[in-house]
């Protein structure tokens, strides 16, 4: 769930950078203390030697030596801390530096090897950034949803669509499901797609958003481009994200290559049990005629259709705003 191999590697590279930077800071502090506090590191060597002796005594179950060595160690630690304090440093100045003390900047809790909260936060941030819909969902989400521009019949229709969307979100982790939002221009299809995307990403799922026109153009450009790794990474992200949103299907220039790419995309995601959400202004008859029986059959048998009815809300809002 959530990350592709490329995305996971991207997060782990950031942890590597954090650890390297913190190690650099720690070495700089050590050099600073070495210059300012003569004898400090000789004291550290004594502590290191005492700890090795304690380990040896513990293995031999030498209780009397353990007690004596522990007392010596405590005295040395107290002396070390006083040296740091007298020089104006906190007692933990040379302790390992961690951005996240829970996982020590590894991303995983040492006891359970489960994801640390900092990794989950980085994952969520990356998923939002790479979704292709980050800016859009800031203004189009359930918190900003309003029925102000709907009449009574439109409100009922959109309420049904919202219920479908919320059921889709609620069951996303347990039920394989796909959606087609279809209907007139400006009836809220993209808005509700954004609502779904934001909720799922906040739950830790990966969402990739493309307008149909951009999706098929990018596929062509990358397929015939020089960087094949970029092309294969694009295909991996498209196939492996938890939810792929194809917005405005029907606005792209239709060719046999586009039809083949659409079928391959839907087929690959279906085989791997990955969800797809398609929005389109086309009617079901237009979908059938435009994309061939083979594609329409796959969509009709694997997708839930949700019809959006009513006026163009975007145009209505613009008209009312101009009148104000």
C-alpha atoms as a PDB file:
ATOM      1  CA  UNK A   1       0.000   0.000   0.000  1.00  0.00           C
ATOM      2  CA  UNK A   2       1.163   3.525  -0.675  1.00  0.00           C
ATOM      3  CA  UNK A   3       4.669   3.635  -2.121  1.00  0.00           C
ATOM      4  CA  UNK A   4       6.271   2.365  -5.282  1.00  0.00           C
ATOM      5  CA  UNK A   5       9.880   1.159  -5.092  1.00  0.00           C
ATOM      6  CA  UNK A   6      11.036   4.458  -6.564  1.00  0.00           C
ATOM      7  CA  UNK A   7       9.080   6.474  -3.985  1.00  0.00           C
ATOM      8  CA  UNK A   8      10.360   4.321  -1.106  1.00  0.00           C
ATOM      9  CA  UNK A   9      13.953   4.759  -2.302  1.00  0.00           C
ATOM     10  CA  UNK A  10      13.397   8.515  -2.542  1.00  0.00           C
ATOM     11  CA  UNK A  11      12.370   8.697   1.127  1.00  0.00           C
ATOM     12  CA  UNK A  12      15.227   6.458   2.266  1.00  0.00           C
ATOM     13  CA  UNK A  13      17.729   8.637   0.380  1.00  0.00           C
ATOM     14  CA  UNK A  14      16.510  11.591   2.441  1.00  0.00           C
ATOM     15  CA  UNK A  15      17.111   9.625   5.647  1.00  0.00           C
ATOM     16  CA  UNK A  16      20.632   8.824   4.412  1.00  0.00           C
ATOM     17  CA  UNK A  17      21.221  12.540   3.860  1.00  0.00           C
ATOM     18  CA  UNK A  18      19.909  13.395   7.327  1.00  0.00           C
ATOM     19  CA  UNK A  19      22.229  10.863   8.988  1.00  0.00           C
ATOM     20  CA  UNK A  20      25.243  12.062   7.000  1.00  0.00           C
ATOM     21  CA  UNK A  21      24.543  15.684   7.919  1.00  0.00           C
ATOM     22  CA  UNK A  22      24.067  14.833  11.599  1.00  0.00           C
ATOM     23  CA  UNK A  23      27.288  12.802  11.624  1.00  0.00           C
ATOM     24  CA  UNK A  24      29.070  15.806  10.135  1.00  0.00           C
ATOM     25  CA  UNK A  25      27.648  18.052  12.882  1.00  0.00           C
ATOM     26  CA  UNK A  26      28.653  15.559  15.577  1.00  0.00           C
ATOM     27  CA  UNK A  27      32.228  15.362  14.265  1.00  0.00           C
ATOM     28  CA  UNK A  28      32.422  19.165  14.167  1.00  0.00           C
ATOM     29  CA  UNK A  29      31.295  19.287  17.811  1.00  0.00           C
ATOM     30  CA  UNK A  30      33.877  16.667  18.775  1.00  0.00           C
ATOM     31  CA  UNK A  31      36.660  18.675  17.128  1.00  0.00           C
ATOM     32  CA  UNK A  32      35.417  21.818  18.863  1.00  0.00           C
ATOM     33  CA  UNK A  33      35.485  20.142  22.302  1.00  0.00           C
ATOM     34  CA  UNK A  34      38.903  18.603  21.608  1.00  0.00           C
ATOM     35  CA  UNK A  35      40.267  22.093  20.940  1.00  0.00           C
ATOM     36  CA  UNK A  36      38.616  23.790  23.921  1.00  0.00           C
ATOM     37  CA  UNK A  37      38.785  21.147  26.687  1.00  0.00           C
ATOM     38  CA  UNK A  38      42.250  19.564  27.066  1.00  0.00           C
ATOM     39  CA  UNK A  39      42.091  16.038  28.450  1.00  0.00           C
ATOM     40  CA  UNK A  40      38.417  15.517  27.617  1.00  0.00           C
ATOM     41  CA  UNK A  41      38.960  12.736  25.126  1.00  0.00           C
ATOM     42  CA  UNK A  42      41.478  10.972  27.357  1.00  0.00           C
ATOM     43  CA  UNK A  43      38.565  10.866  29.820  1.00  0.00           C
ATOM     44  CA  UNK A  44      36.362   9.373  27.115  1.00  0.00           C
ATOM     45  CA  UNK A  45      38.997   6.687  26.480  1.00  0.00           C
ATOM     46  CA  UNK A  46      38.977   5.811  30.205  1.00  0.00           C
ATOM     47  CA  UNK A  47      35.179   5.491  30.085  1.00  0.00           C
ATOM     48  CA  UNK A  48      35.365   3.285  27.012  1.00  0.00           C
ATOM     49  CA  UNK A  49      37.899   1.026  28.721  1.00  0.00           C
ATOM     50  CA  UNK A  50      35.767   0.822  31.881  1.00  0.00           C
ATOM     51  CA  UNK A  51      32.716  -0.193  29.856  1.00  0.00           C
ATOM     52  CA  UNK A  52      34.663  -2.984  28.181  1.00  0.00           C
ATOM     53  CA  UNK A  53      35.789  -4.172  31.622  1.00  0.00           C
ATOM     54  CA  UNK A  54      32.176  -4.110  32.840  1.00  0.00           C
ATOM     55  CA  UNK A  55      31.090  -6.199  29.872  1.00  0.00           C
ATOM     56  CA  UNK A  56      33.833  -8.733  30.660  1.00  0.00           C
ATOM     57  CA  UNK A  57      32.864  -8.798  34.348  1.00  0.00           C
ATOM     58  CA  UNK A  58      29.212  -9.271  33.469  1.00  0.00           C
ATOM     59  CA  UNK A  59      30.025 -12.243  31.233  1.00  0.00           C
ATOM     60  CA  UNK A  60      32.068 -13.796  34.074  1.00  0.00           C
ATOM     61  CA  UNK A  61      29.349 -12.947  36.615  1.00  0.00           C
ATOM     62  CA  UNK A  62      31.930 -11.087  38.724  1.00  0.00           C
ATOM     63  CA  UNK A  63      29.500  -9.149  40.916  1.00  0.00           C
ATOM     64  CA  UNK A  64      32.092  -7.399  43.084  1.00  0.00           C
ATOM     65  CA  UNK A  65      34.015  -6.101  40.070  1.00  0.00           C
ATOM     66  CA  UNK A  66      30.776  -4.951  38.438  1.00  0.00           C
ATOM     67  CA  UNK A  67      29.899  -2.835  41.477  1.00  0.00           C
ATOM     68  CA  UNK A  68      33.383  -1.308  41.651  1.00  0.00           C
ATOM     69  CA  UNK A  69      33.519  -0.598  37.920  1.00  0.00           C
ATOM     70  CA  UNK A  70      30.056   0.952  37.954  1.00  0.00           C
ATOM     71  CA  UNK A  71      31.102   3.356  40.731  1.00  0.00           C
ATOM     72  CA  UNK A  72      34.224   4.364  38.768  1.00  0.00           C
ATOM     73  CA  UNK A  73      32.174   4.892  35.630  1.00  0.00           C
ATOM     74  CA  UNK A  74      29.680   7.131  37.425  1.00  0.00           C
ATOM     75  CA  UNK A  75      32.534   9.244  38.814  1.00  0.00           C
ATOM     76  CA  UNK A  76      34.081   9.611  35.361  1.00  0.00           C
ATOM     77  CA  UNK A  77      30.733  10.553  33.806  1.00  0.00           C
ATOM     78  CA  UNK A  78      30.206  13.172  36.501  1.00  0.00           C
ATOM     79  CA  UNK A  79      33.698  14.537  35.880  1.00  0.00           C
ATOM     80  CA  UNK A  80      33.134  14.599  32.129  1.00  0.00           C
ATOM     81  CA  UNK A  81      29.830  16.446  32.502  1.00  0.00           C
ATOM     82  CA  UNK A  82      31.451  19.010  34.815  1.00  0.00           C
ATOM     83  CA  UNK A  83      34.181  19.651  32.247  1.00  0.00           C
ATOM     84  CA  UNK A  84      31.552  20.273  29.564  1.00  0.00           C
ATOM     85  CA  UNK A  85      29.505  22.499  31.854  1.00  0.00           C
ATOM     86  CA  UNK A  86      32.530  24.537  32.952  1.00  0.00           C
ATOM     87  CA  UNK A  87      33.340  25.115  29.271  1.00  0.00           C
ATOM     88  CA  UNK A  88      29.773  26.281  28.637  1.00  0.00           C
ATOM     89  CA  UNK A  89      28.422  23.129  26.950  1.00  0.00           C
ATOM     90  CA  UNK A  90      25.346  21.035  27.860  1.00  0.00           C
ATOM     91  CA  UNK A  91      26.101  17.542  29.170  1.00  0.00           C
ATOM     92  CA  UNK A  92      24.637  15.896  26.045  1.00  0.00           C
ATOM     93  CA  UNK A  93      26.575  18.093  23.617  1.00  0.00           C
ATOM     94  CA  UNK A  94      28.498  15.126  22.178  1.00  0.00           C
ATOM     95  CA  UNK A  95      25.611  12.671  22.204  1.00  0.00           C
ATOM     96  CA  UNK A  96      24.461  11.320  18.813  1.00  0.00           C
ATOM     97  CA  UNK A  97      22.341  13.877  16.944  1.00  0.00           C
ATOM     98  CA  UNK A  98      18.978  12.681  15.686  1.00  0.00           C
ATOM     99  CA  UNK A  99      16.257  14.557  13.880  1.00  0.00           C
ATOM    100  CA  UNK A 100      13.866  11.850  15.089  1.00  0.00           C
ATOM    101  CA  UNK A 101      14.892  10.343  18.449  1.00  0.00           C
ATOM    102  CA  UNK A 102      12.314   7.551  18.117  1.00  0.00           C
ATOM    103  CA  UNK A 103      13.818   5.834  15.054  1.00  0.00           C
ATOM    104  CA  UNK A 104      17.284   7.462  15.064  1.00  0.00           C
ATOM    105  CA  UNK A 105      16.607   8.710  11.536  1.00  0.00           C
ATOM    106  CA  UNK A 106      16.155   5.262  10.015  1.00  0.00           C
ATOM    107  CA  UNK A 107      12.410   5.584   9.383  1.00  0.00           C
ATOM    108  CA  UNK A 108      11.633   2.389  11.316  1.00  0.00           C
ATOM    109  CA  UNK A 109      11.170   1.768  15.034  1.00  0.00           C
ATOM    110  CA  UNK A 110      13.991  -0.488  16.274  1.00  0.00           C
ATOM    111  CA  UNK A 111      11.793  -2.673  18.489  1.00  0.00           C
ATOM    112  CA  UNK A 112       9.140  -3.610  15.942  1.00  0.00           C
ATOM    113  CA  UNK A 113      10.613  -2.542  12.570  1.00  0.00           C
ATOM    114  CA  UNK A 114       7.324  -0.793  11.867  1.00  0.00           C
ATOM    115  CA  UNK A 115       7.198   2.594  10.163  1.00  0.00           C
ATOM    116  CA  UNK A 116       8.016   5.493  12.447  1.00  0.00           C
ATOM    117  CA  UNK A 117       5.628   8.436  12.581  1.00  0.00           C
ATOM    118  CA  UNK A 118       8.280  10.544  10.809  1.00  0.00           C
ATOM    119  CA  UNK A 119       8.351   8.049   7.917  1.00  0.00           C
ATOM    120  CA  UNK A 120       4.545   8.126   7.675  1.00  0.00           C
ATOM    121  CA  UNK A 121       4.661  11.937   7.596  1.00  0.00           C
ATOM    122  CA  UNK A 122       7.334  11.859   4.858  1.00  0.00           C
ATOM    123  CA  UNK A 123       5.304   9.300   2.932  1.00  0.00           C
ATOM    124  CA  UNK A 124       2.149  11.415   3.123  1.00  0.00           C
ATOM    125  CA  UNK A 125       4.051  14.529   2.064  1.00  0.00           C
ATOM    126  CA  UNK A 126       5.621  12.709  -0.907  1.00  0.00           C
ATOM    127  CA  UNK A 127       2.310  11.210  -1.993  1.00  0.00           C
ATOM    128  CA  UNK A 128       0.680  14.635  -1.990  1.00  0.00           C
ATOM    129  CA  UNK A 129       3.589  16.234  -3.860  1.00  0.00           C
ATOM    130  CA  UNK A 130       3.718  13.545  -6.550  1.00  0.00           C
ATOM    131  CA  UNK A 131      -0.023  13.075  -6.964  1.00  0.00           C
ATOM    132  CA  UNK A 132      -0.312  15.668  -9.744  1.00  0.00           C
ATOM    133  CA  UNK A 133      -3.287  17.130  -7.932  1.00  0.00           C
ATOM    134  CA  UNK A 134      -1.679  18.784  -4.878  1.00  0.00           C
ATOM    135  CA  UNK A 135      -2.695  22.386  -5.613  1.00  0.00           C
ATOM    136  CA  UNK A 136      -6.177  21.403  -6.751  1.00  0.00           C
ATOM    137  CA  UNK A 137      -7.076  19.508  -3.580  1.00  0.00           C
ATOM    138  CA  UNK A 138      -6.220  22.535  -1.449  1.00  0.00           C
ATOM    139  CA  UNK A 139      -9.416  24.180  -2.701  1.00  0.00           C
ATOM    140  CA  UNK A 140     -11.454  21.160  -3.809  1.00  0.00           C
ATOM    141  CA  UNK A 141     -12.121  18.827  -0.896  1.00  0.00           C
ATOM    142  CA  UNK A 142     -14.927  17.763   1.417  1.00  0.00           C
ATOM    143  CA  UNK A 143     -14.271  20.743   3.707  1.00  0.00           C
ATOM    144  CA  UNK A 144     -14.974  23.209   0.880  1.00  0.00           C
ATOM    145  CA  UNK A 145     -17.887  21.256  -0.614  1.00  0.00           C
ATOM    146  CA  UNK A 146     -21.034  23.400  -0.900  1.00  0.00           C
ATOM    147  CA  UNK A 147     -24.549  22.968  -2.280  1.00  0.00           C
ATOM    148  CA  UNK A 148     -25.072  26.726  -2.684  1.00  0.00           C
ATOM    149  CA  UNK A 149     -25.240  26.566  -6.481  1.00  0.00           C
ATOM    150  CA  UNK A 150     -27.403  23.443  -6.768  1.00  0.00           C
ATOM    151  CA  UNK A 151     -31.181  23.396  -7.113  1.00  0.00           C
ATOM    152  CA  UNK A 152     -33.199  20.741  -5.276  1.00  0.00           C
ATOM    153  CA  UNK A 153     -32.971  18.007  -7.923  1.00  0.00           C
ATOM    154  CA  UNK A 154     -29.265  18.670  -8.484  1.00  0.00           C
ATOM    155  CA  UNK A 155     -28.656  18.496  -4.726  1.00  0.00           C
ATOM    156  CA  UNK A 156     -30.272  15.044  -4.578  1.00  0.00           C
ATOM    157  CA  UNK A 157     -28.205  13.825  -7.534  1.00  0.00           C
ATOM    158  CA  UNK A 158     -24.959  15.168  -6.087  1.00  0.00           C
ATOM    159  CA  UNK A 159     -25.744  13.770  -2.637  1.00  0.00           C
ATOM    160  CA  UNK A 160     -25.978  10.323  -4.206  1.00  0.00           C
ATOM    161  CA  UNK A 161     -22.613  10.862  -5.880  1.00  0.00           C
ATOM    162  CA  UNK A 162     -21.095  11.955  -2.555  1.00  0.00           C
ATOM    163  CA  UNK A 163     -22.429   8.826  -0.860  1.00  0.00           C
ATOM    164  CA  UNK A 164     -20.833   6.702  -3.584  1.00  0.00           C
ATOM    165  CA  UNK A 165     -17.552   8.556  -3.100  1.00  0.00           C
ATOM    166  CA  UNK A 166     -17.581   8.085   0.673  1.00  0.00           C
ATOM    167  CA  UNK A 167     -18.388   4.385   0.330  1.00  0.00           C
ATOM    168  CA  UNK A 168     -15.501   4.097  -2.125  1.00  0.00           C
ATOM    169  CA  UNK A 169     -13.169   5.686   0.439  1.00  0.00           C
ATOM    170  CA  UNK A 170     -14.537   3.716   3.381  1.00  0.00           C
ATOM    171  CA  UNK A 171     -14.088   0.343   1.662  1.00  0.00           C
ATOM    172  CA  UNK A 172     -10.952   1.187  -0.281  1.00  0.00           C
ATOM    173  CA  UNK A 173      -8.620  -1.008   1.737  1.00  0.00           C
ATOM    174  CA  UNK A 174     -10.874  -4.059   1.711  1.00  0.00           C
ATOM    175  CA  UNK A 175     -12.871  -4.034  -1.555  1.00  0.00           C
ATOM    176  CA  UNK A 176     -11.432  -3.789  -5.054  1.00  0.00           C
ATOM    177  CA  UNK A 177     -13.543  -1.191  -6.813  1.00  0.00           C
ATOM    178  CA  UNK A 178     -13.407   1.291  -9.684  1.00  0.00           C
ATOM    179  CA  UNK A 179     -15.546   4.316 -10.533  1.00  0.00           C
ATOM    180  CA  UNK A 180     -16.685   6.165 -13.631  1.00  0.00           C
ATOM    181  CA  UNK A 181     -18.012   9.672 -13.064  1.00  0.00           C
ATOM    182  CA  UNK A 182     -19.890  10.742 -16.186  1.00  0.00           C
ATOM    183  CA  UNK A 183     -22.215  13.571 -17.078  1.00  0.00           C
ATOM    184  CA  UNK A 184     -22.417  17.154 -18.240  1.00  0.00           C
ATOM    185  CA  UNK A 185     -19.566  19.647 -18.061  1.00  0.00           C
ATOM    186  CA  UNK A 186     -19.227  21.488 -14.737  1.00  0.00           C
ATOM    187  CA  UNK A 187     -21.407  19.173 -12.626  1.00  0.00           C
ATOM    188  CA  UNK A 188     -18.759  18.410  -9.989  1.00  0.00           C
ATOM    189  CA  UNK A 189     -16.975  15.308 -11.306  1.00  0.00           C
ATOM    190  CA  UNK A 190     -13.434  16.646 -10.918  1.00  0.00           C
ATOM    191  CA  UNK A 191     -14.312  18.249  -7.581  1.00  0.00           C
ATOM    192  CA  UNK A 192     -15.507  14.940  -6.139  1.00  0.00           C
ATOM    193  CA  UNK A 193     -12.478  13.160  -7.609  1.00  0.00           C
ATOM    194  CA  UNK A 194     -10.290  15.618  -5.676  1.00  0.00           C
ATOM    195  CA  UNK A 195     -12.262  14.932  -2.492  1.00  0.00           C
ATOM    196  CA  UNK A 196     -11.582  11.214  -2.861  1.00  0.00           C
ATOM    197  CA  UNK A 197      -7.899  11.790  -3.652  1.00  0.00           C
ATOM    198  CA  UNK A 198      -7.287  13.957  -0.585  1.00  0.00           C
ATOM    199  CA  UNK A 199      -9.017  11.568   1.806  1.00  0.00           C
ATOM    200  CA  UNK A 200      -7.142   8.529   0.497  1.00  0.00           C
ATOM    201  CA  UNK A 201      -3.743  10.234   0.567  1.00  0.00           C
ATOM    202  CA  UNK A 202      -4.341  11.283   4.157  1.00  0.00           C
ATOM    203  CA  UNK A 203      -4.964   7.589   4.861  1.00  0.00           C
ATOM    204  CA  UNK A 204      -1.565   6.759   3.340  1.00  0.00           C
ATOM    205  CA  UNK A 205      -2.639   5.560  -0.097  1.00  0.00           C
ATOM    206  CA  UNK A 206      -0.857   6.715  -3.239  1.00  0.00           C
ATOM    207  CA  UNK A 207      -2.944   8.602  -5.789  1.00  0.00           C
ATOM    208  CA  UNK A 208      -1.827   9.642  -9.265  1.00  0.00           C
ATOM    209  CA  UNK A 209      -3.913  12.162 -11.175  1.00  0.00           C
ATOM    210  CA  UNK A 210      -3.778  12.829 -14.918  1.00  0.00           C
ATOM    211  CA  UNK A 211      -5.970  14.630 -17.335  1.00  0.00           C
ATOM    212  CA  UNK A 212      -6.549  12.188 -20.174  1.00  0.00           C
ATOM    213  CA  UNK A 213      -4.932  14.526 -22.679  1.00  0.00           C
ATOM    214  CA  UNK A 214      -1.713  14.839 -20.656  1.00  0.00           C
ATOM    215  CA  UNK A 215      -1.585  11.144 -19.803  1.00  0.00           C
ATOM    216  CA  UNK A 216      -1.574   9.938 -23.391  1.00  0.00           C
ATOM    217  CA  UNK A 217       0.733  12.720 -24.592  1.00  0.00           C
ATOM    218  CA  UNK A 218       3.251  11.871 -21.857  1.00  0.00           C
ATOM    219  CA  UNK A 219       3.086   8.196 -22.769  1.00  0.00           C
ATOM    220  CA  UNK A 220       3.944   9.004 -26.381  1.00  0.00           C
ATOM    221  CA  UNK A 221       6.708  11.474 -25.494  1.00  0.00           C
ATOM    222  CA  UNK A 222       8.385   9.137 -23.017  1.00  0.00           C
ATOM    223  CA  UNK A 223       7.972   6.028 -25.159  1.00  0.00           C
ATOM    224  CA  UNK A 224       9.918   7.635 -27.988  1.00  0.00           C
ATOM    225  CA  UNK A 225      12.232   9.695 -25.772  1.00  0.00           C
ATOM    226  CA  UNK A 226      15.885   9.024 -25.039  1.00  0.00           C
ATOM    227  CA  UNK A 227      15.505   8.181 -21.339  1.00  0.00           C
ATOM    228  CA  UNK A 228      13.938   4.718 -21.207  1.00  0.00           C
ATOM    229  CA  UNK A 229      14.325   4.581 -17.423  1.00  0.00           C
ATOM    230  CA  UNK A 230      12.032   7.580 -17.139  1.00  0.00           C
ATOM    231  CA  UNK A 231       9.497   5.840 -19.367  1.00  0.00           C
ATOM    232  CA  UNK A 232       9.576   2.630 -17.317  1.00  0.00           C
ATOM    233  CA  UNK A 233       9.324   4.611 -14.066  1.00  0.00           C
ATOM    234  CA  UNK A 234       6.283   6.401 -15.472  1.00  0.00           C
ATOM    235  CA  UNK A 235       4.665   3.062 -16.367  1.00  0.00           C
ATOM    236  CA  UNK A 236       5.466   1.681 -12.910  1.00  0.00           C
ATOM    237  CA  UNK A 237       3.891   4.668 -11.172  1.00  0.00           C
ATOM    238  CA  UNK A 238       0.829   4.498 -13.421  1.00  0.00           C
ATOM    239  CA  UNK A 239       0.385   0.767 -12.842  1.00  0.00           C
ATOM    240  CA  UNK A 240       1.263   0.544  -9.165  1.00  0.00           C
ATOM    241  CA  UNK A 241      -0.300   3.614  -7.502  1.00  0.00           C
ATOM    242  CA  UNK A 242      -3.215   2.676  -5.259  1.00  0.00           C
ATOM    243  CA  UNK A 243      -5.607   4.936  -7.175  1.00  0.00           C
ATOM    244  CA  UNK A 244      -5.193   6.259 -10.704  1.00  0.00           C
ATOM    245  CA  UNK A 245      -7.484   9.161 -11.622  1.00  0.00           C
ATOM    246  CA  UNK A 246      -7.973   9.779 -15.350  1.00  0.00           C
ATOM    247  CA  UNK A 247      -9.826  13.066 -15.609  1.00  0.00           C
ATOM    248  CA  UNK A 248     -11.739  14.340 -18.656  1.00  0.00           C
ATOM    249  CA  UNK A 249     -11.496  11.142 -20.662  1.00  0.00           C
ATOM    250  CA  UNK A 250     -12.613  12.034 -24.163  1.00  0.00           C
ATOM    251  CA  UNK A 251     -10.714  15.314 -24.440  1.00  0.00           C
ATOM    252  CA  UNK A 252      -7.592  13.607 -25.801  1.00  0.00           C
ATOM    253  CA  UNK A 253      -6.941  13.123 -29.533  1.00  0.00           C
ATOM    254  CA  UNK A 254      -8.187   9.614 -30.198  1.00  0.00           C
ATOM    255  CA  UNK A 255      -5.926   7.234 -32.119  1.00  0.00           C
ATOM    256  CA  UNK A 256      -5.488   3.484 -32.226  1.00  0.00           C
ATOM    257  CA  UNK A 257      -2.361   3.962 -30.083  1.00  0.00           C
ATOM    258  CA  UNK A 258      -4.386   5.840 -27.461  1.00  0.00           C
ATOM    259  CA  UNK A 259      -7.007   3.087 -27.432  1.00  0.00           C
ATOM    260  CA  UNK A 260      -4.301   0.456 -27.013  1.00  0.00           C
ATOM    261  CA  UNK A 261      -2.644   2.435 -24.178  1.00  0.00           C
ATOM    262  CA  UNK A 262      -5.963   2.887 -22.395  1.00  0.00           C
ATOM    263  CA  UNK A 263      -6.799  -0.807 -22.645  1.00  0.00           C
ATOM    264  CA  UNK A 264      -3.315  -1.819 -21.447  1.00  0.00           C
ATOM    265  CA  UNK A 265      -3.506   0.578 -18.516  1.00  0.00           C
ATOM    266  CA  UNK A 266      -6.944  -0.603 -17.404  1.00  0.00           C
ATOM    267  CA  UNK A 267      -6.028  -4.257 -17.924  1.00  0.00           C
ATOM    268  CA  UNK A 268      -2.766  -4.028 -15.955  1.00  0.00           C
ATOM    269  CA  UNK A 269      -4.425  -2.254 -13.066  1.00  0.00           C
ATOM    270  CA  UNK A 270      -7.294  -4.740 -13.054  1.00  0.00           C
ATOM    271  CA  UNK A 271      -4.874  -7.697 -12.979  1.00  0.00           C
ATOM    272  CA  UNK A 272      -3.020  -6.182 -10.019  1.00  0.00           C
ATOM    273  CA  UNK A 273      -6.223  -5.169  -8.210  1.00  0.00           C
ATOM    274  CA  UNK A 274      -5.430  -1.445  -8.327  1.00  0.00           C
ATOM    275  CA  UNK A 275      -8.344   1.005  -8.348  1.00  0.00           C
ATOM    276  CA  UNK A 276      -9.060   3.462 -11.156  1.00  0.00           C
ATOM    277  CA  UNK A 277     -11.376   6.472 -11.229  1.00  0.00           C
ATOM    278  CA  UNK A 278     -12.378   7.850 -14.628  1.00  0.00           C
ATOM    279  CA  UNK A 279     -14.289  11.072 -15.145  1.00  0.00           C
ATOM    280  CA  UNK A 280     -15.736  12.002 -18.513  1.00  0.00           C
ATOM    281  CA  UNK A 281     -18.225  14.341 -20.143  1.00  0.00           C
ATOM    282  CA  UNK A 282     -19.155  11.602 -22.617  1.00  0.00           C
ATOM    283  CA  UNK A 283     -22.361   9.613 -22.440  1.00  0.00           C
ATOM    284  CA  UNK A 284     -22.182   5.846 -22.161  1.00  0.00           C
ATOM    285  CA  UNK A 285     -23.084   5.510 -25.857  1.00  0.00           C
ATOM    286  CA  UNK A 286     -20.299   7.937 -26.767  1.00  0.00           C
ATOM    287  CA  UNK A 287     -17.822   5.998 -24.652  1.00  0.00           C
ATOM    288  CA  UNK A 288     -18.772   2.817 -26.442  1.00  0.00           C
ATOM    289  CA  UNK A 289     -18.447   4.338 -29.907  1.00  0.00           C
ATOM    290  CA  UNK A 290     -15.226   6.202 -29.186  1.00  0.00           C
ATOM    291  CA  UNK A 291     -13.156   3.513 -27.457  1.00  0.00           C
ATOM    292  CA  UNK A 292     -14.331   0.242 -29.033  1.00  0.00           C
ATOM    293  CA  UNK A 293     -16.375  -2.589 -27.667  1.00  0.00           C
ATOM    294  CA  UNK A 294     -13.361  -4.252 -26.043  1.00  0.00           C
ATOM    295  CA  UNK A 295     -12.537  -1.258 -23.823  1.00  0.00           C
ATOM    296  CA  UNK A 296     -16.164  -0.422 -23.039  1.00  0.00           C
ATOM    297  CA  UNK A 297     -16.805  -4.043 -22.091  1.00  0.00           C
ATOM    298  CA  UNK A 298     -13.907  -4.013 -19.647  1.00  0.00           C
ATOM    299  CA  UNK A 299     -15.058  -0.717 -18.140  1.00  0.00           C
ATOM    300  CA  UNK A 300     -18.713  -1.712 -17.887  1.00  0.00           C
ATOM    301  CA  UNK A 301     -17.895  -5.018 -16.200  1.00  0.00           C
ATOM    302  CA  UNK A 302     -15.307  -3.714 -13.727  1.00  0.00           C
ATOM    303  CA  UNK A 303     -16.479  -0.189 -12.892  1.00  0.00           C
ATOM    304  CA  UNK A 304     -19.352   1.349 -10.975  1.00  0.00           C
ATOM    305  CA  UNK A 305     -20.983   4.138 -13.005  1.00  0.00           C
ATOM    306  CA  UNK A 306     -22.059   7.321 -11.268  1.00  0.00           C
ATOM    307  CA  UNK A 307     -24.029   9.831 -13.330  1.00  0.00           C
ATOM    308  CA  UNK A 308     -23.770  13.581 -12.668  1.00  0.00           C
ATOM    309  CA  UNK A 309     -26.741  15.648 -13.755  1.00  0.00           C
ATOM    310  CA  UNK A 310     -27.604  19.313 -13.772  1.00  0.00           C
ATOM    311  CA  UNK A 311     -26.315  22.663 -14.950  1.00  0.00           C
ATOM    312  CA  UNK A 312     -22.723  23.775 -15.424  1.00  0.00           C
ATOM    313  CA  UNK A 313     -21.938  24.921 -11.878  1.00  0.00           C
ATOM    314  CA  UNK A 314     -18.668  26.575 -12.902  1.00  0.00           C
ATOM    315  CA  UNK A 315     -20.434  28.801 -15.412  1.00  0.00           C
ATOM    316  CA  UNK A 316     -23.228  29.537 -12.949  1.00  0.00           C
ATOM    317  CA  UNK A 317     -20.700  30.611 -10.283  1.00  0.00           C
ATOM    318  CA  UNK A 318     -18.901  32.891 -12.749  1.00  0.00           C
ATOM    319  CA  UNK A 319     -22.196  34.431 -13.822  1.00  0.00           C
ATOM    320  CA  UNK A 320     -23.331  35.103 -10.239  1.00  0.00           C
ATOM    321  CA  UNK A 321     -19.930  36.495  -9.242  1.00  0.00           C
ATOM    322  CA  UNK A 322     -20.051  38.959 -12.144  1.00  0.00           C
ATOM    323  CA  UNK A 323     -23.450  40.189 -10.982  1.00  0.00           C
ATOM    324  CA  UNK A 324     -22.161  40.993  -7.500  1.00  0.00           C
END
